[in-house]
Amino acid sequence: MDAGHSVSGYVLAGGASRRMGTPKALLPFRGRTLVEHVAREVEKAAGTVTLIGRPELYGGLGFNAIPDERPGHGPLGGVLTALALRKAEWSLVVACDLPRITAGFLGELVEAAVRSPGAKCVVAKGERGVEPLCAVWHARAIQDVRCALESGRLKMKEVVELVGARTWPVADPLILSNVNAPEDWATVHE
């Protein structure tokens, strides 16, 4: 990463996992839980990682876990929580349900962000469009995120558009495959 830029990593693990029927963050994956796997990749790319979700569920996994500042507001509440911590100039925010995410790709995404003067957000883009739960947010985006949340604009694709997010293409579209339901999990579970 360029000198003079700081970055902190966050994994969003606060979802209800309704379609999965069980907390997807705690699904077993490669000898650990899915959230641990994603957290390790984020930590390699950002140098730090904090889980945003229920500490009583995730606190024993060896990572700092903090509750969502605005529970019940979907992933946007988690993004606001990360930005409100003000740990770094940039916040790498990744959903816990991206089992194929790699530190290599996340590192590229972070580099793209720090080399984007004036950007408030740089978001991964695959063949199905942007993946707003794999993005790097600048600290100056906090007001836009807070305003979107307070006005009820909770759809992440709308919020990244609102902040004028720049996109970073992913070469391998499988990297952005997420798991929301048992049939999704069946395609990646090893």
Protein backbone atom coordinates (compact mmCIF):
# COMPACT_ATOMS: atom_id res chain seq x y z
CA MET A 1 0.00 0.00 0.00
CA ASP A 2 1.14 3.56 -0.68
CA ALA A 3 2.90 5.29 2.18
CA GLY A 4 0.78 7.83 3.98
CA HIS A 5 -2.49 5.93 3.62
CA SER A 6 -4.01 3.93 6.43
CA VAL A 7 -6.52 1.13 6.05
CA SER A 8 -8.53 -1.00 8.46
CA GLY A 9 -10.38 -4.16 7.59
CA TYR A 10 -13.91 -5.13 8.58
CA VAL A 11 -16.09 -8.17 8.01
CA LEU A 12 -19.84 -7.72 8.19
CA ALA A 13 -21.40 -10.61 10.10
CA GLY A 14 -24.59 -9.06 11.41
CA GLY A 15 -27.13 -10.49 8.99
CA ALA A 16 -30.07 -12.64 10.05
CA SER A 17 -29.25 -15.44 7.54
CA ARG A 18 -32.98 -16.03 6.99
CA ARG A 19 -32.56 -17.78 3.64
CA MET A 20 -29.74 -19.98 4.95
CA GLY A 21 -31.71 -20.95 8.06
CA THR A 22 -28.60 -20.84 10.26
CA PRO A 23 -25.94 -18.18 10.88
CA LYS A 24 -23.96 -18.43 7.64
CA ALA A 25 -20.94 -16.76 9.24
CA LEU A 26 -20.54 -19.84 11.45
CA LEU A 27 -20.77 -22.44 8.68
CA PRO A 28 -17.73 -24.74 8.65
CA PHE A 29 -15.33 -23.90 5.84
CA ARG A 30 -11.78 -25.14 5.25
CA GLY A 31 -11.25 -26.21 8.84
CA ARG A 32 -12.69 -23.08 10.44
CA THR A 33 -15.85 -20.99 10.16
CA LEU A 34 -16.74 -19.02 7.06
CA VAL A 35 -16.34 -15.72 8.91
CA GLU A 36 -12.87 -16.75 10.12
CA HIS A 37 -11.85 -17.60 6.56
CA VAL A 38 -13.04 -14.26 5.20
CA ALA A 39 -11.54 -12.39 8.18
CA ARG A 40 -8.11 -13.93 7.53
CA GLU A 41 -8.21 -12.80 3.89
CA VAL A 42 -9.28 -9.27 4.92
CA GLU A 43 -6.57 -9.16 7.58
CA LYS A 44 -3.89 -10.16 5.05
CA ALA A 45 -5.01 -7.37 2.71
CA ALA A 46 -5.63 -4.60 5.27
CA GLY A 47 -3.30 -5.51 8.11
CA THR A 48 -6.18 -5.47 10.61
CA VAL A 49 -9.64 -6.97 10.89
CA THR A 50 -12.66 -6.34 13.08
CA LEU A 51 -15.87 -8.35 12.90
CA ILE A 52 -19.05 -6.29 12.93
CA GLY A 53 -21.76 -8.44 14.40
CA ARG A 54 -22.91 -9.90 17.67
CA PRO A 55 -19.92 -10.24 20.04
CA GLU A 56 -21.68 -13.09 21.86
CA LEU A 57 -21.58 -15.11 18.61
CA TYR A 58 -18.21 -14.04 17.22
CA GLY A 59 -16.16 -12.89 20.20
CA GLY A 60 -14.59 -16.29 20.76
CA LEU A 61 -13.12 -16.60 17.26
CA GLY A 62 -9.90 -14.73 18.00
CA PHE A 63 -10.88 -11.45 16.37
CA ASN A 64 -12.18 -8.21 17.80
CA ALA A 65 -15.98 -8.30 17.42
CA ILE A 66 -18.18 -5.26 17.91
CA PRO A 67 -21.94 -4.85 17.65
CA ASP A 68 -23.55 -3.06 14.77
CA GLU A 69 -24.06 0.63 15.65
CA ARG A 70 -27.45 0.57 13.93
CA PRO A 71 -28.89 -2.96 14.19
CA GLY A 72 -31.81 -3.70 11.91
CA HIS A 73 -30.58 -1.42 9.13
CA GLY A 74 -28.95 -4.10 7.03
CA PRO A 75 -25.38 -3.96 5.79
CA LEU A 76 -25.47 -0.16 5.58
CA GLY A 77 -25.57 -0.09 9.38
CA GLY A 78 -22.41 -2.20 9.40
CA VAL A 79 -20.66 0.12 6.94
CA LEU A 80 -21.60 3.08 9.13
CA THR A 81 -20.25 1.23 12.18
CA ALA A 82 -16.91 0.67 10.42
CA LEU A 83 -16.63 4.29 9.31
CA ALA A 84 -17.67 5.62 12.73
CA LEU A 85 -14.79 3.78 14.39
CA ARG A 86 -12.42 6.16 12.55
CA LYS A 87 -9.51 3.77 12.83
CA ALA A 88 -8.08 4.62 9.41
CA GLU A 89 -8.41 6.84 6.36
CA TRP A 90 -9.76 3.86 4.38
CA SER A 91 -12.02 1.01 5.51
CA LEU A 92 -12.05 -2.29 3.62
CA VAL A 93 -15.54 -3.69 4.25
CA VAL A 94 -16.37 -7.23 3.14
CA ALA A 95 -19.41 -9.43 3.76
CA CYS A 96 -18.83 -12.68 5.62
CA ASP A 97 -20.58 -14.67 2.88
CA LEU A 98 -17.90 -14.43 0.17
CA PRO A 99 -16.06 -17.76 0.55
CA ARG A 100 -13.97 -17.36 -2.60
CA ILE A 101 -12.64 -13.90 -1.76
CA THR A 102 -8.85 -13.68 -1.72
CA ALA A 103 -6.34 -11.44 -0.01
CA GLY A 104 -4.74 -10.87 -3.42
CA PHE A 105 -7.90 -9.40 -4.90
CA LEU A 106 -8.67 -7.41 -1.76
CA GLY A 107 -5.13 -5.99 -1.83
CA GLU A 108 -5.70 -4.85 -5.42
CA LEU A 109 -8.97 -3.23 -4.37
CA VAL A 110 -7.25 -1.37 -1.52
CA GLU A 111 -4.45 -0.22 -3.85
CA ALA A 112 -7.02 1.03 -6.37
CA ALA A 113 -8.72 3.01 -3.61
CA VAL A 114 -5.60 4.71 -2.27
CA ARG A 115 -4.63 5.64 -5.83
CA SER A 116 -8.02 7.25 -6.49
CA PRO A 117 -7.75 10.86 -5.35
CA GLY A 118 -11.06 12.26 -4.20
CA ALA A 119 -12.83 8.89 -4.18
CA LYS A 120 -15.24 8.17 -1.36
CA CYS A 121 -15.59 4.50 -2.26
CA VAL A 122 -14.07 1.93 -4.60
CA VAL A 123 -16.26 -1.11 -5.12
CA ALA A 124 -15.59 -4.51 -6.70
CA LYS A 125 -17.34 -5.13 -10.00
CA GLY A 126 -18.00 -8.53 -11.51
CA GLU A 127 -19.99 -9.82 -14.44
CA ARG A 128 -23.26 -9.24 -12.53
CA GLY A 129 -22.39 -5.63 -11.70
CA VAL A 130 -21.05 -4.06 -8.53
CA GLU A 131 -20.67 -6.01 -5.29
CA PRO A 132 -21.21 -3.29 -2.68
CA LEU A 133 -20.31 -5.63 0.16
CA CYS A 134 -16.75 -5.82 -1.12
CA ALA A 135 -15.61 -2.22 -1.11
CA VAL A 136 -13.11 0.25 0.29
CA TRP A 137 -14.67 3.34 1.88
CA HIS A 138 -12.90 6.62 2.58
CA ALA A 139 -13.55 8.28 5.93
CA ARG A 140 -15.14 11.25 4.15
CA ALA A 141 -18.03 9.00 3.02
CA ILE A 142 -19.43 8.81 6.55
CA GLN A 143 -21.84 11.74 6.15
CA ASP A 144 -23.27 10.32 2.92
CA VAL A 145 -23.69 6.91 4.53
CA ARG A 146 -25.29 8.39 7.64
CA CYS A 147 -27.68 10.52 5.55
CA ALA A 148 -28.66 7.53 3.39
CA LEU A 149 -29.37 5.45 6.48
CA GLU A 150 -31.35 8.18 8.22
CA SER A 151 -33.45 8.79 5.10
CA GLY A 152 -34.22 5.08 4.77
CA ARG A 153 -32.07 4.46 1.67
CA LEU A 154 -30.71 1.09 2.76
CA LYS A 155 -30.01 -0.57 -0.59
CA MET A 156 -26.25 -0.82 -0.87
CA LYS A 157 -26.18 -0.50 -4.67
CA GLU A 158 -28.03 2.82 -4.36
CA VAL A 159 -25.63 4.04 -1.68
CA VAL A 160 -22.47 3.26 -3.66
CA GLU A 161 -24.06 5.10 -6.57
CA LEU A 162 -24.97 8.01 -4.27
CA VAL A 163 -21.35 8.42 -3.14
CA GLY A 164 -20.08 8.21 -6.72
CA ALA A 165 -18.17 4.99 -6.11
CA ARG A 166 -15.48 4.04 -8.55
CA THR A 167 -15.36 0.42 -9.65
CA TRP A 168 -12.53 -2.12 -9.73
CA PRO A 169 -13.02 -5.10 -12.03
CA VAL A 170 -12.56 -8.64 -10.84
CA ALA A 171 -10.87 -10.97 -13.32
CA ASP A 172 -12.38 -14.13 -11.83
CA PRO A 173 -16.14 -13.65 -11.32
CA LEU A 174 -16.28 -16.56 -8.86
CA ILE A 175 -14.39 -14.43 -6.32
CA LEU A 176 -17.56 -12.41 -5.74
CA SER A 177 -19.90 -15.41 -5.42
CA ASN A 178 -21.81 -15.15 -2.17
CA VAL A 179 -23.77 -17.74 -0.26
CA ASN A 180 -27.26 -16.81 0.88
CA ALA A 181 -29.12 -20.11 0.76
CA PRO A 182 -28.34 -23.82 1.17
CA GLU A 183 -28.19 -24.31 -2.60
CA ASP A 184 -25.50 -21.58 -2.85
CA TRP A 185 -23.56 -23.22 -0.03
CA ALA A 186 -23.68 -26.60 -1.77
CA THR A 187 -21.69 -25.17 -4.69
CA VAL A 188 -18.73 -24.06 -2.52
CA HIS A 189 -18.74 -26.27 0.55
CA GLU A 190 -15.67 -28.41 0.72
